[in-house]
Structure formats: C-alpha cells, structure tokens
Amino acid sequence: MRKLLLAVLVIFLAAGTVSAESIDLGNFPIGKWLDKNYDAIWDFTSSNIKILAPDGTEYFDFSKNTVKDFKVSASSSGAVITFSCEEAGRSYKITKPLTNMDLILEIDRPDKEHYKVEMKKQ
C-alpha cells in the first residue's frame, strides 16, 4: 500500500501544472464526495468538477464558468488541486490525503471567513 501511495505521489509530481483554461484532473481521484455542511456532492470527473444536490440536481458546473490558475500538484500530505473561479468569486484548494479516501475542501471567500470541511467519499 505504501508503495502504491508513493507511486501516485510521484505521478502527481510529474504531472506539474495543467492549463488554466481547462479542467484536467490528471491522476487526481475521480468520484463523488459529500460536503456535509451544505448537503452538497462534489463530483470530480477527468475533465470537470460539479457541485450537485444529493438528488443529482446541478448546483454549479465549473466547466461553464471561468476557472483560473488551475493546478494539480503533490505535497508530503497528498495530492492537491488549486484554482479560482471568477463567477463564484472564490479560490479553492482540494487536498486528497495519502492516508484515507476523504478530501479536504478549503474555500477562500472575500466576503466571508475561510471555509474548510472534510468530505467523505460517496
């Protein structure tokens, strides 16, 4: 298991920066994670990120908006996605720790305090 996690980390480091004009998650895990505070499902596919209601209704589709500075990287704590969305007026950081299947979502919102939640895989 440790060797697999190390291999994934090396792949993330090799992936480097992706185009700010497109959403390409590369080797970042795809799937759905629940933000329990907002009862929202974050849906990660290989080419997009959406926020959905539990019934599947779309709240927000990042591919239909202006995503800037999109970057997939790795750190000693795991894989990391960072980007900002012009229409939402927010900056996002999503971390996939090496030790479990959860994601840590952090949102910087100029009009509100910093938001952070641990999301569980669905």
C-alpha atoms as a PDB file:
ATOM      1  CA  MET A   1       0.000   0.000   0.000  1.00  0.00           C
ATOM      2  CA  ARG A   2       2.829   2.399   0.845  1.00  0.00           C
ATOM      3  CA  LYS A   3       4.487   1.683  -2.498  1.00  0.00           C
ATOM      4  CA  LEU A   4       1.225   2.441  -4.313  1.00  0.00           C
ATOM      5  CA  LEU A   5       0.806   5.730  -2.461  1.00  0.00           C
ATOM      6  CA  LEU A   6       4.414   6.669  -3.206  1.00  0.00           C
ATOM      7  CA  ALA A   7       3.908   5.843  -6.894  1.00  0.00           C
ATOM      8  CA  VAL A   8       0.787   8.026  -7.006  1.00  0.00           C
ATOM      9  CA  LEU A   9       2.713  10.872  -5.365  1.00  0.00           C
ATOM     10  CA  VAL A  10       5.492  10.589  -7.961  1.00  0.00           C
ATOM     11  CA  ILE A  11       2.923  10.676 -10.771  1.00  0.00           C
ATOM     12  CA  PHE A  12       1.378  13.835  -9.305  1.00  0.00           C
ATOM     13  CA  LEU A  13       4.770  15.489  -9.087  1.00  0.00           C
ATOM     14  CA  ALA A  14       5.488  14.594 -12.710  1.00  0.00           C
ATOM     15  CA  ALA A  15       2.115  15.955 -13.848  1.00  0.00           C
ATOM     16  CA  GLY A  16       3.045  19.504 -12.815  1.00  0.00           C
ATOM     17  CA  THR A  17       0.809  22.366 -13.820  1.00  0.00           C
ATOM     18  CA  VAL A  18      -2.122  21.990 -16.190  1.00  0.00           C
ATOM     19  CA  SER A  19      -3.645  24.649 -18.384  1.00  0.00           C
ATOM     20  CA  ALA A  20      -5.565  27.315 -16.503  1.00  0.00           C
ATOM     21  CA  GLU A  21      -8.122  27.345 -19.315  1.00  0.00           C
ATOM     22  CA  SER A  22      -9.213  23.732 -18.864  1.00  0.00           C
ATOM     23  CA  ILE A  23     -10.041  21.370 -16.066  1.00  0.00           C
ATOM     24  CA  ASP A  24      -7.898  18.261 -16.320  1.00  0.00           C
ATOM     25  CA  LEU A  25      -7.669  16.349 -13.073  1.00  0.00           C
ATOM     26  CA  GLY A  26      -4.906  14.134 -14.406  1.00  0.00           C
ATOM     27  CA  ASN A  27      -4.400  11.378 -11.825  1.00  0.00           C
ATOM     28  CA  PHE A  28      -6.370  13.123  -9.076  1.00  0.00           C
ATOM     29  CA  PRO A  29      -9.045  10.711  -7.798  1.00  0.00           C
ATOM     30  CA  ILE A  30     -12.365  10.971  -9.592  1.00  0.00           C
ATOM     31  CA  GLY A  31     -15.697  10.279  -7.945  1.00  0.00           C
ATOM     32  CA  LYS A  32     -18.137  11.972  -5.604  1.00  0.00           C
ATOM     33  CA  TRP A  33     -17.579  13.402  -2.126  1.00  0.00           C
ATOM     34  CA  LEU A  34     -20.139  14.847   0.311  1.00  0.00           C
ATOM     35  CA  ASP A  35     -19.793  18.311   1.857  1.00  0.00           C
ATOM     36  CA  LYS A  36     -21.988  17.592   4.883  1.00  0.00           C
ATOM     37  CA  ASN A  37     -22.232  21.254   5.908  1.00  0.00           C
ATOM     38  CA  TYR A  38     -24.041  22.221   2.711  1.00  0.00           C
ATOM     39  CA  ASP A  39     -25.508  18.808   1.842  1.00  0.00           C
ATOM     40  CA  ALA A  40     -23.711  19.109  -1.495  1.00  0.00           C
ATOM     41  CA  ILE A  41     -21.956  16.471  -3.569  1.00  0.00           C
ATOM     42  CA  TRP A  42     -18.678  17.474  -5.232  1.00  0.00           C
ATOM     43  CA  ASP A  43     -18.435  15.421  -8.423  1.00  0.00           C
ATOM     44  CA  PHE A  44     -14.922  15.058  -9.873  1.00  0.00           C
ATOM     45  CA  THR A  45     -14.598  13.635 -13.397  1.00  0.00           C
ATOM     46  CA  SER A  46     -11.456  13.524 -15.502  1.00  0.00           C
ATOM     47  CA  SER A  47     -12.390  16.811 -17.217  1.00  0.00           C
ATOM     48  CA  ASN A  48     -14.730  18.671 -14.880  1.00  0.00           C
ATOM     49  CA  ILE A  49     -15.842  19.488 -11.356  1.00  0.00           C
ATOM     50  CA  LYS A  50     -19.523  19.948 -10.494  1.00  0.00           C
ATOM     51  CA  ILE A  51     -21.398  20.627  -7.287  1.00  0.00           C
ATOM     52  CA  LEU A  52     -24.634  18.642  -7.074  1.00  0.00           C
ATOM     53  CA  ALA A  53     -27.598  18.278  -4.750  1.00  0.00           C
ATOM     54  CA  PRO A  54     -27.997  14.806  -3.203  1.00  0.00           C
ATOM     55  CA  ASP A  55     -30.764  14.124  -5.763  1.00  0.00           C
ATOM     56  CA  GLY A  56     -28.354  14.920  -8.640  1.00  0.00           C
ATOM     57  CA  THR A  57     -29.634  18.427  -9.406  1.00  0.00           C
ATOM     58  CA  GLU A  58     -26.749  20.598 -10.564  1.00  0.00           C
ATOM     59  CA  TYR A  59     -25.804  23.476  -8.253  1.00  0.00           C
ATOM     60  CA  PHE A  60     -22.665  24.591 -10.089  1.00  0.00           C
ATOM     61  CA  ASP A  61     -20.653  23.423 -13.094  1.00  0.00           C
ATOM     62  CA  PHE A  62     -17.110  24.765 -13.173  1.00  0.00           C
ATOM     63  CA  SER A  63     -16.711  23.955 -16.892  1.00  0.00           C
ATOM     64  CA  LYS A  64     -19.408  26.525 -17.687  1.00  0.00           C
ATOM     65  CA  ASN A  65     -17.536  29.242 -15.785  1.00  0.00           C
ATOM     66  CA  THR A  66     -14.154  30.964 -15.829  1.00  0.00           C
ATOM     67  CA  VAL A  67     -11.632  28.814 -13.990  1.00  0.00           C
ATOM     68  CA  LYS A  68      -8.224  30.416 -13.465  1.00  0.00           C
ATOM     69  CA  ASP A  69      -4.862  29.178 -12.234  1.00  0.00           C
ATOM     70  CA  PHE A  70      -5.941  25.518 -12.241  1.00  0.00           C
ATOM     71  CA  LYS A  71      -3.122  23.392 -10.882  1.00  0.00           C
ATOM     72  CA  VAL A  72      -2.743  19.779  -9.813  1.00  0.00           C
ATOM     73  CA  SER A  73       0.266  19.201  -7.583  1.00  0.00           C
ATOM     74  CA  ALA A  74       1.547  16.998  -4.800  1.00  0.00           C
ATOM     75  CA  SER A  75       2.884  17.623  -1.349  1.00  0.00           C
ATOM     76  CA  SER A  76       4.038  15.459   1.514  1.00  0.00           C
ATOM     77  CA  SER A  77       0.418  15.398   2.734  1.00  0.00           C
ATOM     78  CA  GLY A  78      -1.081  14.243  -0.589  1.00  0.00           C
ATOM     79  CA  ALA A  79      -2.407  15.430  -3.940  1.00  0.00           C
ATOM     80  CA  VAL A  80      -3.676  18.997  -4.204  1.00  0.00           C
ATOM     81  CA  ILE A  81      -5.891  20.887  -6.662  1.00  0.00           C
ATOM     82  CA  THR A  82      -5.941  24.687  -6.524  1.00  0.00           C
ATOM     83  CA  PHE A  83      -7.918  27.107  -8.687  1.00  0.00           C
ATOM     84  CA  SER A  84     -10.137  30.156  -8.612  1.00  0.00           C
ATOM     85  CA  CYS A  85     -13.485  30.780 -10.253  1.00  0.00           C
ATOM     86  CA  GLU A  86     -14.270  34.270 -11.468  1.00  0.00           C
ATOM     87  CA  GLU A  87     -18.072  33.901 -11.397  1.00  0.00           C
ATOM     88  CA  ALA A  88     -18.086  32.391  -7.914  1.00  0.00           C
ATOM     89  CA  GLY A  89     -15.558  34.942  -6.682  1.00  0.00           C
ATOM     90  CA  ARG A  90     -13.729  32.279  -4.733  1.00  0.00           C
ATOM     91  CA  SER A  91     -10.459  30.380  -4.571  1.00  0.00           C
ATOM     92  CA  TYR A  92     -10.431  26.644  -3.931  1.00  0.00           C
ATOM     93  CA  LYS A  93      -7.951  24.159  -2.532  1.00  0.00           C
ATOM     94  CA  ILE A  94      -8.826  20.469  -2.513  1.00  0.00           C
ATOM     95  CA  THR A  95      -6.444  18.040  -0.853  1.00  0.00           C
ATOM     96  CA  LYS A  96      -6.513  14.254  -1.138  1.00  0.00           C
ATOM     97  CA  PRO A  97      -4.535  12.941   1.839  1.00  0.00           C
ATOM     98  CA  LEU A  98      -2.375   9.860   1.316  1.00  0.00           C
ATOM     99  CA  THR A  99      -3.821   8.162   4.385  1.00  0.00           C
ATOM    100  CA  ASN A 100      -7.552   7.872   3.570  1.00  0.00           C
ATOM    101  CA  MET A 101     -10.270   8.350   0.911  1.00  0.00           C
ATOM    102  CA  ASP A 102     -11.512  11.715   2.219  1.00  0.00           C
ATOM    103  CA  LEU A 103     -10.957  15.072   0.545  1.00  0.00           C
ATOM    104  CA  ILE A 104     -10.303  18.308   2.376  1.00  0.00           C
ATOM    105  CA  LEU A 105     -12.048  21.256   0.751  1.00  0.00           C
ATOM    106  CA  GLU A 106     -10.923  24.788   1.535  1.00  0.00           C
ATOM    107  CA  ILE A 107     -12.579  27.874   0.081  1.00  0.00           C
ATOM    108  CA  ASP A 108     -11.383  31.450   0.377  1.00  0.00           C
ATOM    109  CA  ARG A 109     -14.346  33.786   0.112  1.00  0.00           C
ATOM    110  CA  PRO A 110     -13.617  37.526   0.209  1.00  0.00           C
ATOM    111  CA  ASP A 111     -16.970  38.327   1.816  1.00  0.00           C
ATOM    112  CA  LYS A 112     -16.886  35.510   4.408  1.00  0.00           C
ATOM    113  CA  GLU A 113     -14.433  33.653   6.615  1.00  0.00           C
ATOM    114  CA  HIS A 114     -12.231  30.846   5.308  1.00  0.00           C
ATOM    115  CA  TYR A 115     -14.210  27.634   4.808  1.00  0.00           C
ATOM    116  CA  LYS A 116     -12.789  24.178   5.448  1.00  0.00           C
ATOM    117  CA  VAL A 117     -14.512  20.807   5.522  1.00  0.00           C
ATOM    118  CA  GLU A 118     -13.513  17.159   5.335  1.00  0.00           C
ATOM    119  CA  MET A 119     -15.610  15.462   2.655  1.00  0.00           C
ATOM    120  CA  LYS A 120     -16.433  11.754   2.694  1.00  0.00           C
ATOM    121  CA  LYS A 121     -16.311   9.575  -0.422  1.00  0.00           C
ATOM    122  CA  GLN A 122     -19.762   8.613  -1.690  1.00  0.00           C
END
